Amino acid sequence: MTLRSKAQIILGAVLLAALLLLDVMFTGFLVDSADQTDRERMERNLSRTYLTLKGEERMLSAIAGNWAYSDKAWDFMTGANPDYPNIYMNRAVLTEIGVSSLIFLDNDGKAVFYRDYSSPDDESSPESEIEAFSGEGGAEFLRNIPEDGASGVIMKGGEPILFAVKRIRRSNKGGAEAGSLIATMALSPKMIQIISNSLDFTFAIVPVTPKEKEMELPGRRLDNDPSSSYIRGSALVRDYTGAPAFWITCVSPNVDIREAKRRLQMLFLALGAAAAAVVFLFGLFMKEQVTARLVRLRHEVETIRGDGGDTYGVTVDKKRDEIAELQRTLNDSIAFFEFRQGEKNRVDDITLSVYKRFSEAGSRLCMKTLEDIATVFWREDDRASRSAVLRGACEARKFAAYLGMEEEELVYIYTGSLFAKMGMITLPHSLLYKKTPLSPAEEREYKKYPIRTKDLMNGVELLRPAASIAYSWNESWDGSGFPRRISGSSIPLGARIYAVVEEWNELTRPWPGRVLPDKDDVTAALRAKAGSRLDPHIVEKFIEYLHGGE
């Protein structure tokens, strides 16, 4: 067998093996990618469904709190307002949003009154939902409701019920509890269909079987049979006791890769044909570049050896050295690679610089927007209050930085100080800008604004971490403040800092005709309130900060 034939056989075998390996690798990659896509889509659908149900639960908790923290509901439970259900509980909107029932319980956990808001085609009823709590631990749970209430899932037979329970209190959350209120939402087929329409995919609820309750169940289950054209996924939801309650089940079609696989196979068939052509052309090349030259050389040697006459020299082919060519090519490649790497590093440096500038600009824009929002609530003609809000917030941040607080805490101090008085927008203008002393009723109404401030800030994800400052800065060190009358170190540090800064702000902010006090007068005024209204340690630190030249 000639050298050319051996080289063709070896080249053909290598190309065939390489094509088969690439075929298997690409087909496997295609299948794995499709499977991963299916699983990620199913995980995303399950997560969206679970979060949507949690959102319904939080909405139910907000509804329960709205009804429970009401003077009128408290009067009804104490017998002072027996007509309360007929006047205030005919809310058709509750049926529209899916609330099944409102149930009033006394302090022993017994039902005093309930009202059904479920749609006519819903089999859920308040009686059956109360009965669902009669199982193991349910009655004990209703007698020992947490201070801030609770929410979760309870199973009524095979049907899950979302519930939220709140203690019935006065609107200022003061006084003793007059019982508790349960709001429920049955996850009926109609409700599930409504939720499915908002998610753009369909899911089902499957109760946990008695056998499954005895097992260690995973939080997620995915079943993607390669022979099936559908993928099934389930997410476990637990009830209020932590026991498995039901599965959220979704079924969706797999990504169809049959056409892609067919095209991939056609591509490799074409590559196989191309490989056969390469082997044939390689044989021709070898014949031209090696075999023909060796045959010519043999003929020339035989001629020289057998002729015996004039000696003819051997023809020397003027061809380039392949190794030298390879070396030059390799050096060129290395030089090119270094050039490209240098260009990439420069582009990366420019990109990082641009990103940092955009990030800093975004942070400044965010803070400027918060400042505009915090001041827009005040009347256009009350420019003194608007400027005082920004002045107090800036000084609180500087003072907190002087105390050595971290950057993240400084942001919370700043945003909490900006929105510390936001709840005042809910007060009537006649009360907010009243020049004469407030009546007892007006004072009670005024002292509710920290609660409303906290509720408004808790509704905004960006402001939620700073809500405790706005909620507690009116508390006094000796416990005489509002709205909770807490004292000492029970008051959050940020609220104590802002209380001192706000006292300084009121003492020193200018308005027409006012003679501003000097530093000694300010120091004396602050120390006069240390230990009663203000934290004495924070007061001394602030005085030290003021006299330090800030």
Protein backbone atom coordinates (compact mmCIF):
# COMPACT_ATOMS: atom_id res chain seq x y z
CA MET A 1 0.00 0.00 0.00
CA THR A 2 1.40 3.33 -0.99
CA LEU A 3 2.01 6.22 1.42
CA ARG A 4 -0.64 8.27 -0.35
CA SER A 5 -3.28 5.54 0.23
CA LYS A 6 -2.34 5.21 3.91
CA ALA A 7 -2.59 9.00 4.36
CA GLN A 8 -6.02 9.04 2.68
CA ILE A 9 -7.32 6.21 4.91
CA ILE A 10 -6.04 7.89 8.09
CA LEU A 11 -7.48 11.29 7.08
CA GLY A 12 -10.84 9.76 6.17
CA ALA A 13 -11.05 7.88 9.50
CA VAL A 14 -10.15 11.02 11.50
CA LEU A 15 -12.72 13.17 9.68
CA LEU A 16 -15.44 10.53 10.09
CA ALA A 17 -14.73 10.15 13.83
CA ALA A 18 -14.68 13.93 14.27
CA LEU A 19 -18.03 14.34 12.46
CA LEU A 20 -19.64 11.58 14.53
CA LEU A 21 -18.33 13.12 17.76
CA LEU A 22 -19.53 16.59 16.78
CA ASP A 23 -22.92 15.17 15.81
CA VAL A 24 -23.32 13.54 19.23
CA MET A 25 -22.06 16.66 21.06
CA PHE A 26 -24.27 19.13 19.19
CA THR A 27 -27.34 16.89 19.42
CA GLY A 28 -26.75 16.43 23.15
CA PHE A 29 -26.23 20.16 23.60
CA LEU A 30 -29.46 20.86 21.73
CA VAL A 31 -31.43 18.38 23.85
CA ASP A 32 -29.87 19.62 27.11
CA SER A 33 -30.51 23.26 26.18
CA ALA A 34 -34.15 22.54 25.36
CA ASP A 35 -34.54 20.59 28.61
CA GLN A 36 -32.91 23.37 30.61
CA THR A 37 -35.14 25.96 28.92
CA ASP A 38 -38.23 23.90 29.74
CA ARG A 39 -37.15 23.53 33.37
CA GLU A 40 -36.31 27.20 33.80
CA ARG A 41 -39.64 28.22 32.26
CA MET A 42 -41.47 25.84 34.58
CA GLU A 43 -39.50 27.07 37.61
CA ARG A 44 -40.37 30.64 36.62
CA ASN A 45 -44.06 29.80 36.20
CA LEU A 46 -44.17 28.03 39.59
CA SER A 47 -42.40 30.94 41.28
CA ARG A 48 -44.76 33.47 39.68
CA THR A 49 -47.78 31.45 40.77
CA TYR A 50 -46.47 31.04 44.32
CA LEU A 51 -45.66 34.77 44.59
CA THR A 52 -49.09 35.66 43.19
CA LEU A 53 -50.77 33.54 45.88
CA LYS A 54 -48.55 35.24 48.47
CA GLY A 55 -49.65 38.58 47.03
CA GLU A 56 -53.31 37.58 47.43
CA GLU A 57 -52.47 36.60 51.04
CA ARG A 58 -50.88 40.01 51.72
CA MET A 59 -53.86 41.76 50.12
CA LEU A 60 -56.17 39.74 52.38
CA SER A 61 -54.06 40.69 55.40
CA ALA A 62 -54.36 44.37 54.45
CA ILE A 63 -58.16 44.03 54.10
CA ALA A 64 -58.37 42.31 57.49
CA GLY A 65 -56.26 45.05 59.07
CA ASN A 66 -58.44 47.77 57.52
CA TRP A 67 -61.57 46.27 59.12
CA ALA A 68 -59.95 45.19 62.41
CA TYR A 69 -58.19 48.49 63.26
CA SER A 70 -61.44 50.44 63.29
CA ASP A 71 -63.22 52.28 66.11
CA LYS A 72 -66.56 51.20 64.66
CA ALA A 73 -65.60 47.50 64.63
CA TRP A 74 -64.26 47.81 68.18
CA ASP A 75 -67.54 49.46 69.30
CA PHE A 76 -69.51 46.64 67.66
CA MET A 77 -67.52 43.95 69.50
CA THR A 78 -67.93 45.78 72.83
CA GLY A 79 -71.69 46.21 72.23
CA ALA A 80 -71.61 49.96 71.67
CA ASN A 81 -72.57 49.81 67.96
CA PRO A 82 -74.93 46.85 67.26
CA ASP A 83 -75.98 48.30 63.88
CA TYR A 84 -72.40 48.17 62.57
CA PRO A 85 -72.90 45.13 60.23
CA ASN A 86 -75.95 46.64 58.54
CA ILE A 87 -74.29 50.02 57.92
CA TYR A 88 -70.67 49.25 57.16
CA MET A 89 -70.43 45.67 55.91
CA ASN A 90 -72.30 45.82 52.60
CA ARG A 91 -69.16 46.08 50.49
CA ALA A 92 -69.75 44.55 47.06
CA VAL A 93 -66.14 45.27 46.17
CA LEU A 94 -65.01 42.48 48.52
CA THR A 95 -66.86 39.95 46.40
CA GLU A 96 -65.31 41.44 43.27
CA ILE A 97 -61.74 40.94 44.55
CA GLY A 98 -62.43 37.42 45.76
CA VAL A 99 -62.95 37.76 49.54
CA SER A 100 -65.12 34.87 50.74
CA SER A 101 -66.09 35.99 54.22
CA LEU A 102 -65.38 38.24 57.22
CA ILE A 103 -65.67 36.52 60.60
CA PHE A 104 -65.70 38.26 63.99
CA LEU A 105 -64.42 36.23 66.97
CA ASP A 106 -64.49 37.07 70.67
CA ASN A 107 -61.38 36.82 72.84
CA ASP A 108 -62.11 33.11 73.45
CA GLY A 109 -61.97 32.35 69.73
CA LYS A 110 -65.75 31.86 69.33
CA ALA A 111 -67.57 33.29 66.33
CA VAL A 112 -69.72 36.33 67.23
CA PHE A 113 -70.75 37.41 63.75
CA TYR A 114 -69.83 36.63 60.15
CA ARG A 115 -70.81 37.68 56.67
CA ASP A 116 -70.53 35.76 53.41
CA TYR A 117 -69.05 37.62 50.42
CA SER A 118 -68.49 34.62 48.18
CA SER A 119 -70.04 34.52 44.72
CA PRO A 120 -73.24 32.47 44.22
CA ASP A 121 -71.37 29.67 42.39
CA ASP A 122 -68.81 29.33 45.21
CA GLU A 123 -69.58 26.57 47.71
CA SER A 124 -67.46 28.15 50.44
CA SER A 125 -69.28 29.54 53.47
CA PRO A 126 -68.22 31.22 56.74
CA GLU A 127 -69.58 28.28 58.77
CA SER A 128 -67.45 25.76 56.87
CA GLU A 129 -64.39 28.01 57.08
CA ILE A 130 -64.77 28.40 60.87
CA GLU A 131 -65.15 24.63 61.10
CA ALA A 132 -61.85 24.22 59.23
CA PHE A 133 -60.09 25.79 62.23
CA SER A 134 -61.58 23.20 64.59
CA GLY A 135 -58.88 20.66 63.68
CA GLU A 136 -55.75 19.94 65.63
CA GLY A 137 -54.23 23.16 66.88
CA GLY A 138 -56.77 25.43 65.17
CA ALA A 139 -58.71 26.49 68.26
CA GLU A 140 -55.49 27.07 70.17
CA PHE A 141 -54.19 29.18 67.27
CA LEU A 142 -57.29 31.41 67.34
CA ARG A 143 -56.98 31.91 71.10
CA ASN A 144 -53.33 32.91 70.83
CA ILE A 145 -53.22 35.12 67.75
CA PRO A 146 -49.87 36.96 67.44
CA GLU A 147 -49.76 40.65 68.31
CA ASP A 148 -49.59 41.75 64.66
CA GLY A 149 -52.00 39.09 63.44
CA ALA A 150 -51.25 36.20 61.13
CA SER A 151 -52.06 34.89 57.66
CA GLY A 152 -51.66 31.66 55.77
CA VAL A 153 -53.48 28.71 54.27
CA ILE A 154 -55.96 26.33 55.83
CA MET A 155 -57.49 23.29 54.14
CA LYS A 156 -61.25 22.84 54.14
CA GLY A 157 -61.55 19.27 53.02
CA GLY A 158 -59.74 19.26 49.69
CA GLU A 159 -60.12 23.02 49.10
CA PRO A 160 -57.44 25.49 50.20
CA ILE A 161 -58.57 28.69 51.91
CA LEU A 162 -56.36 31.78 52.25
CA PHE A 163 -56.98 33.55 55.54
CA ALA A 164 -55.73 36.57 57.44
CA VAL A 165 -56.53 37.16 61.10
CA LYS A 166 -56.05 40.44 62.98
CA ARG A 167 -56.79 41.53 66.53
CA ILE A 168 -59.69 44.00 66.69
CA ARG A 169 -58.42 47.28 68.10
CA ARG A 170 -59.18 50.93 67.93
CA SER A 171 -57.85 52.83 64.94
CA ASN A 172 -54.87 54.08 66.98
CA LYS A 173 -54.18 50.49 68.08
CA GLY A 174 -54.57 51.55 71.70
CA GLY A 175 -56.65 49.95 74.41
CA ALA A 176 -57.45 46.30 74.94
CA GLU A 177 -58.35 43.90 72.10
CA ALA A 178 -62.07 43.37 71.55
CA GLY A 179 -61.64 40.02 69.79
CA SER A 180 -60.28 39.17 66.40
CA LEU A 181 -61.33 39.29 62.74
CA ILE A 182 -60.73 36.65 60.08
CA ALA A 183 -60.85 37.45 56.36
CA THR A 184 -60.89 34.45 54.01
CA MET A 185 -60.48 33.83 50.31
CA ALA A 186 -61.37 30.42 48.90
CA LEU A 187 -59.11 29.25 46.08
CA SER A 188 -62.09 28.04 44.08
CA PRO A 189 -61.82 27.02 40.41
CA LYS A 190 -63.18 30.42 39.45
CA MET A 191 -60.56 32.22 41.59
CA ILE A 192 -57.80 30.03 40.16
CA GLN A 193 -58.98 30.88 36.64
CA ILE A 194 -58.89 34.61 37.46
CA ILE A 195 -55.31 34.30 38.77
CA SER A 196 -54.34 32.18 35.74
CA ASN A 197 -55.61 34.90 33.38
CA SER A 198 -53.29 37.42 35.05
CA LEU A 199 -50.32 35.04 34.73
CA ASP A 200 -50.89 34.08 31.06
CA PHE A 201 -50.65 30.38 31.88
CA THR A 202 -52.86 27.81 33.61
CA PHE A 203 -52.16 26.11 36.90
CA ALA A 204 -54.09 23.73 39.12
CA ILE A 205 -54.23 23.05 42.84
CA VAL A 206 -53.86 19.43 43.99
CA PRO A 207 -54.30 18.65 47.72
CA VAL A 208 -51.55 16.68 49.43
CA THR A 209 -52.54 13.03 49.93
CA PRO A 210 -52.50 11.47 53.44
CA LYS A 211 -49.54 9.32 52.37
CA GLU A 212 -47.57 12.38 51.21
CA LYS A 213 -48.16 14.12 54.56
CA GLU A 214 -46.08 11.41 56.22
CA MET A 215 -43.18 11.91 53.81
CA GLU A 216 -40.36 14.49 53.53
CA LEU A 217 -41.63 16.48 50.57
CA PRO A 218 -39.42 18.72 48.38
CA GLY A 219 -40.37 22.31 47.75
CA ARG A 220 -40.33 21.75 43.96
CA ARG A 221 -40.94 18.76 41.74
CA LEU A 222 -40.21 18.75 38.02
CA ASP A 223 -41.06 15.86 35.72
CA ASN A 224 -39.67 16.18 32.20
CA ASP A 225 -39.90 12.80 30.48
CA PRO A 226 -37.81 12.92 27.25
CA SER A 227 -40.41 10.70 25.57
CA SER A 228 -43.21 13.16 26.45
CA SER A 229 -43.95 16.43 24.73
CA TYR A 230 -44.98 18.09 28.01
CA ILE A 231 -43.22 19.05 31.23
CA ARG A 232 -45.02 18.94 34.56
CA GLY A 233 -43.98 20.93 37.63
CA SER A 234 -45.32 21.20 41.16
CA ALA A 235 -44.57 23.61 44.03
CA LEU A 236 -45.46 22.68 47.60
CA VAL A 237 -47.50 25.12 49.70
CA ARG A 238 -47.73 24.61 53.46
CA ASP A 239 -50.62 25.62 55.72
CA TYR A 240 -50.43 27.94 58.71
CA THR A 241 -49.12 25.11 60.93
CA GLY A 242 -46.25 24.36 58.55
CA ALA A 243 -47.77 21.08 57.39
CA PRO A 244 -47.95 20.28 53.64
CA ALA A 245 -51.27 21.58 52.29
CA PHE A 246 -51.40 21.39 48.50
CA TRP A 247 -49.37 21.38 45.30
CA ILE A 248 -49.40 24.15 42.70
CA THR A 249 -49.24 22.14 39.49
CA CYS A 250 -48.41 23.52 36.04
CA VAL A 251 -48.17 21.66 32.73
CA SER A 252 -46.61 23.23 29.65
CA PRO A 253 -45.44 21.90 26.28
CA ASN A 254 -41.76 21.19 25.79
CA VAL A 255 -39.72 23.11 23.24
CA ASP A 256 -40.11 21.28 19.92
CA ILE A 257 -36.60 20.49 18.67
CA ARG A 258 -37.48 17.89 16.05
CA GLU A 259 -37.02 20.29 13.15
CA ALA A 260 -33.75 21.56 14.64
CA LYS A 261 -32.46 17.98 15.02
CA ARG A 262 -33.43 17.19 11.43
CA ARG A 263 -31.58 20.24 10.14
CA LEU A 264 -28.58 19.36 12.29
CA GLN A 265 -28.45 15.86 10.80
CA MET A 266 -28.72 17.28 7.28
CA LEU A 267 -25.85 19.62 8.11
CA PHE A 268 -23.64 16.74 9.21
CA LEU A 269 -24.55 14.71 6.12
CA ALA A 270 -23.41 17.66 4.03
CA LEU A 271 -20.24 17.87 6.10
CA GLY A 272 -19.69 14.13 5.52
CA ALA A 273 -19.92 14.64 1.77
CA ALA A 274 -17.54 17.57 2.07
CA ALA A 275 -15.13 15.39 4.08
CA ALA A 276 -15.17 12.73 1.31
CA ALA A 277 -14.34 15.44 -1.22
CA VAL A 278 -11.52 16.66 1.02
CA VAL A 279 -10.06 13.12 1.20
CA PHE A 280 -10.17 12.82 -2.59
CA LEU A 281 -8.57 16.24 -3.12
CA PHE A 282 -5.96 15.41 -0.50
CA GLY A 283 -5.00 12.33 -2.56
CA LEU A 284 -4.58 14.50 -5.64
CA PHE A 285 -2.52 16.98 -3.66
CA MET A 286 -0.29 14.22 -2.29
CA LYS A 287 0.15 12.82 -5.79
CA GLU A 288 1.19 16.21 -7.14
CA GLN A 289 3.37 17.37 -4.26
CA VAL A 290 4.95 14.08 -3.05
CA THR A 291 4.41 11.05 -5.29
CA ALA A 292 5.12 12.81 -8.59
CA ARG A 293 8.25 14.42 -7.23
CA LEU A 294 9.49 11.07 -5.82
CA VAL A 295 8.79 9.29 -9.16
CA ARG A 296 10.64 12.02 -11.05
CA LEU A 297 13.51 11.75 -8.61
CA ARG A 298 13.60 7.96 -9.04
CA HIS A 299 13.61 8.26 -12.84
CA GLU A 300 16.40 10.81 -12.68
CA VAL A 301 18.48 8.59 -10.36
CA GLU A 302 17.84 5.54 -12.59
CA THR A 303 18.86 7.60 -15.63
CA ILE A 304 22.03 8.75 -13.98
CA ARG A 305 22.81 5.23 -12.71
CA GLY A 306 22.03 3.29 -15.94
CA ASP A 307 23.13 5.64 -18.64
CA GLY A 308 26.81 5.70 -17.89
CA GLY A 309 27.20 8.66 -20.20
CA ASP A 310 26.96 12.31 -19.31
CA THR A 311 25.71 12.79 -15.79
CA TYR A 312 22.57 14.96 -15.46
CA GLY A 313 22.04 16.66 -12.18
CA VAL A 314 18.93 16.12 -9.95
CA THR A 315 16.33 18.76 -10.33
CA VAL A 316 15.96 20.86 -7.14
CA ASP A 317 12.42 22.17 -6.47
CA LYS A 318 12.33 25.74 -5.41
CA LYS A 319 9.70 25.47 -2.64
CA ARG A 320 9.31 27.26 0.68
CA ASP A 321 10.07 25.51 3.94
CA GLU A 322 6.75 24.58 5.60
CA ILE A 323 8.20 24.84 9.11
CA ALA A 324 9.43 28.38 8.50
CA GLU A 325 6.04 29.31 7.12
CA LEU A 326 4.37 27.85 10.20
CA GLN A 327 6.72 29.80 12.48
CA ARG A 328 5.99 33.07 10.71
CA THR A 329 2.27 32.35 10.85
CA LEU A 330 2.49 31.54 14.56
CA ASN A 331 4.44 34.76 15.32
CA ASP A 332 1.91 36.78 13.35
CA SER A 333 -0.90 35.10 15.28
CA ILE A 334 0.73 35.87 18.66
CA ALA A 335 1.33 39.50 17.70
CA PHE A 336 -2.26 39.81 16.54
CA PHE A 337 -3.55 38.22 19.77
CA GLU A 338 -1.53 40.64 21.94
CA PHE A 339 -2.82 43.57 19.93
CA ARG A 340 -6.43 42.40 20.35
CA GLN A 341 -5.94 41.80 24.08
CA GLY A 342 -4.57 45.30 24.55
CA GLU A 343 -7.54 46.75 22.69
CA LYS A 344 -9.92 44.68 24.83
CA ASN A 345 -8.30 45.92 28.07
CA ARG A 346 -8.65 49.52 26.96
CA VAL A 347 -12.29 49.00 26.04
CA ASP A 348 -12.91 47.33 29.42
CA ASP A 349 -11.37 50.30 31.25
CA ILE A 350 -13.53 52.74 29.29
CA THR A 351 -16.65 50.62 29.93
CA LEU A 352 -15.96 50.48 33.69
CA SER A 353 -15.42 54.23 33.84
CA VAL A 354 -18.68 54.91 31.97
CA TYR A 355 -20.57 52.46 34.21
CA LYS A 356 -19.27 54.14 37.37
CA ARG A 357 -20.28 57.56 36.08
CA PHE A 358 -23.75 56.35 35.17
CA SER A 359 -24.09 54.65 38.57
CA GLU A 360 -23.13 57.83 40.42
CA ALA A 361 -25.47 59.90 38.26
CA GLY A 362 -28.28 57.42 38.88
CA SER A 363 -27.77 57.62 42.67
CA ARG A 364 -27.83 61.43 42.58
CA LEU A 365 -30.98 61.40 40.43
CA CYS A 366 -32.68 58.94 42.81
CA MET A 367 -31.92 61.09 45.88
CA LYS A 368 -33.01 64.27 44.06
CA THR A 369 -36.29 62.57 43.15
CA LEU A 370 -36.86 61.51 46.78
CA GLU A 371 -36.17 65.08 47.92
CA ASP A 372 -38.68 66.46 45.40
CA ILE A 373 -41.29 63.90 46.52
CA ALA A 374 -40.67 64.66 50.21
CA THR A 375 -41.18 68.42 49.72
CA VAL A 376 -44.02 68.38 47.18
CA PHE A 377 -46.52 67.35 49.90
CA TRP A 378 -46.23 70.77 51.58
CA ARG A 379 -48.28 73.72 50.37
CA GLU A 380 -46.70 75.86 47.68
CA ASP A 381 -46.85 78.90 49.97
CA ASP A 382 -45.25 77.01 52.90
CA ARG A 383 -41.69 77.29 51.56
CA ALA A 384 -40.30 77.46 55.12
CA SER A 385 -41.51 73.92 55.87
CA ARG A 386 -40.20 72.67 52.53
CA SER A 387 -36.70 74.02 53.15
CA ALA A 388 -36.77 72.81 56.78
CA VAL A 389 -37.42 69.22 55.63
CA LEU A 390 -34.29 69.17 53.46
CA ARG A 391 -32.25 71.06 56.06
CA GLY A 392 -33.16 68.59 58.83
CA ALA A 393 -32.54 65.53 56.66
CA CYS A 394 -29.12 66.76 55.50
CA GLU A 395 -28.06 67.63 59.05
CA ALA A 396 -29.26 64.25 60.36
CA ARG A 397 -27.15 62.47 57.76
CA LYS A 398 -24.07 64.57 58.58
CA PHE A 399 -24.51 63.96 62.31
CA ALA A 400 -24.98 60.20 61.76
CA ALA A 401 -21.77 60.16 59.70
CA TYR A 402 -20.04 62.01 62.56
CA LEU A 403 -21.19 59.20 64.87
CA GLY A 404 -19.46 56.67 62.58
CA MET A 405 -22.53 54.98 61.07
CA GLU A 406 -22.17 52.91 57.88
CA GLU A 407 -23.09 54.28 54.43
CA GLU A 408 -26.22 52.12 54.18
CA GLU A 409 -27.43 53.37 57.57
CA LEU A 410 -26.76 56.96 56.45
CA VAL A 411 -29.09 56.42 53.49
CA TYR A 412 -31.83 55.12 55.83
CA ILE A 413 -31.29 58.08 58.20
CA TYR A 414 -31.59 60.48 55.27
CA THR A 415 -34.71 58.95 53.70
CA GLY A 416 -36.37 58.44 57.10
CA SER A 417 -35.74 62.10 57.96
CA LEU A 418 -37.00 63.29 54.55
CA PHE A 419 -40.34 61.50 54.97
CA ALA A 420 -40.67 61.75 58.78
CA LYS A 421 -43.67 64.07 58.46
CA MET A 422 -45.24 62.61 55.33
CA GLY A 423 -48.27 61.35 57.28
CA MET A 424 -49.26 64.99 57.91
CA ILE A 425 -50.64 65.13 54.38
CA THR A 426 -53.56 63.05 55.68
CA LEU A 427 -54.41 65.73 58.29
CA PRO A 428 -56.93 68.47 57.44
CA HIS A 429 -55.35 71.83 56.58
CA SER A 430 -57.42 73.41 59.33
CA LEU A 431 -55.66 71.16 61.85
CA LEU A 432 -52.19 71.22 60.28
CA TYR A 433 -51.97 75.01 60.09
CA LYS A 434 -54.03 75.85 63.19
CA LYS A 435 -52.56 78.79 65.15
CA THR A 436 -54.46 78.19 68.43
CA PRO A 437 -53.92 75.23 70.82
CA LEU A 438 -55.39 71.91 69.70
CA SER A 439 -58.44 70.45 71.39
CA PRO A 440 -58.10 66.96 72.93
CA ALA A 441 -59.87 65.41 69.92
CA GLU A 442 -57.67 67.34 67.49
CA GLU A 443 -54.56 66.32 69.42
CA ARG A 444 -55.56 62.64 69.21
CA GLU A 445 -56.08 62.99 65.47
CA TYR A 446 -52.73 64.81 65.12
CA LYS A 447 -50.86 62.06 66.96
CA LYS A 448 -52.00 59.47 64.42
CA TYR A 449 -49.81 60.89 61.66
CA PRO A 450 -46.68 58.79 62.54
CA ILE A 451 -48.76 55.64 62.05
CA ARG A 452 -49.94 56.88 58.67
CA THR A 453 -46.39 57.86 57.77
CA LYS A 454 -45.16 54.33 58.54
CA ASP A 455 -48.01 52.79 56.47
CA LEU A 456 -47.21 55.05 53.50
CA MET A 457 -43.48 54.27 53.67
CA ASN A 458 -44.06 50.53 54.07
CA GLY A 459 -45.92 50.64 50.79
CA VAL A 460 -42.73 51.69 48.96
CA GLU A 461 -39.93 49.12 48.84
CA LEU A 462 -37.21 51.80 48.76
CA LEU A 463 -38.55 53.58 51.88
CA ARG A 464 -39.53 50.53 53.97
CA PRO A 465 -36.15 50.14 55.81
CA ALA A 466 -36.40 53.76 57.01
CA ALA A 467 -40.04 53.58 58.19
CA SER A 468 -39.05 52.96 61.83
CA ILE A 469 -37.40 56.41 62.00
CA ALA A 470 -40.51 58.23 60.79
CA TYR A 471 -42.70 56.07 63.04
CA SER A 472 -40.76 56.56 66.28
CA TRP A 473 -39.10 59.99 66.21
CA ASN A 474 -41.98 61.54 68.21
CA GLU A 475 -41.33 59.09 71.08
CA SER A 476 -39.69 60.67 74.15
CA TRP A 477 -36.78 59.33 76.18
CA ASP A 478 -38.98 59.31 79.32
CA GLY A 479 -41.88 57.51 77.58
CA SER A 480 -44.21 60.52 77.30
CA GLY A 481 -44.14 60.65 73.49
CA PHE A 482 -46.40 59.13 70.84
CA PRO A 483 -47.71 56.99 69.15
CA ARG A 484 -46.55 53.97 71.29
CA ARG A 485 -45.20 55.75 74.40
CA ILE A 486 -42.00 53.70 74.38
CA SER A 487 -38.92 54.99 76.18
CA GLY A 488 -35.13 54.81 76.42
CA SER A 489 -33.21 52.49 74.15
CA SER A 490 -36.47 50.91 72.96
CA ILE A 491 -36.67 53.86 70.59
CA PRO A 492 -34.70 53.10 67.37
CA LEU A 493 -31.32 54.85 67.22
CA GLY A 494 -32.15 56.57 63.93
CA ALA A 495 -35.34 58.02 65.44
CA ARG A 496 -33.41 59.33 68.48
CA ILE A 497 -30.83 60.97 66.21
CA TYR A 498 -33.48 62.65 64.06
CA ALA A 499 -35.41 63.84 67.16
CA VAL A 500 -32.33 65.75 68.38
CA VAL A 501 -31.57 67.16 64.91
CA GLU A 502 -35.22 68.21 64.40
CA GLU A 503 -35.20 69.99 67.78
CA TRP A 504 -32.08 71.88 66.62
CA ASN A 505 -33.75 72.56 63.25
CA GLU A 506 -36.76 74.18 64.92
CA LEU A 507 -34.49 76.26 67.18
CA THR A 508 -32.25 77.56 64.39
CA ARG A 509 -34.17 77.69 61.13
CA PRO A 510 -34.70 81.29 60.03
CA TRP A 511 -37.86 83.04 59.06
CA PRO A 512 -38.61 86.75 58.53
CA GLY A 513 -38.38 88.75 61.72
CA ARG A 514 -36.81 86.00 63.84
CA VAL A 515 -33.61 86.64 65.80
CA LEU A 516 -31.60 83.43 65.68
CA PRO A 517 -30.15 82.15 68.96
CA ASP A 518 -26.40 81.69 69.35
CA LYS A 519 -24.70 78.33 69.97
CA ASP A 520 -24.83 78.69 73.74
CA ASP A 521 -28.57 79.30 73.69
CA VAL A 522 -29.06 76.31 71.38
CA THR A 523 -26.88 74.16 73.67
CA ALA A 524 -28.86 75.18 76.74
CA ALA A 525 -32.20 74.54 74.99
CA LEU A 526 -31.11 71.06 73.90
CA ARG A 527 -29.78 70.12 77.32
CA ALA A 528 -33.03 71.30 78.89
CA LYS A 529 -34.84 68.54 77.01
CA ALA A 530 -32.17 65.86 77.54
CA GLY A 531 -33.51 62.98 79.62
CA SER A 532 -37.15 63.94 79.02
CA ARG A 533 -37.84 64.47 75.33
CA LEU A 534 -34.36 63.61 74.02
CA ASP A 535 -31.70 60.94 74.54
CA PRO A 536 -29.10 62.67 76.79
CA HIS A 537 -26.17 60.80 75.24
CA ILE A 538 -27.20 61.77 71.70
CA VAL A 539 -27.73 65.37 72.86
CA GLU A 540 -24.17 65.60 74.20
CA LYS A 541 -22.77 64.04 71.03
CA PHE A 542 -24.74 66.56 68.92
CA ILE A 543 -23.47 69.48 71.02
CA GLU A 544 -19.94 68.15 70.58
CA TYR A 545 -20.65 67.93 66.83
CA LEU A 546 -21.95 71.52 66.73
CA HIS A 547 -18.99 72.94 68.63
CA GLY A 548 -16.65 70.95 66.43
CA GLY A 549 -17.31 73.47 63.66
CA GLU A 550 -19.74 71.49 61.47
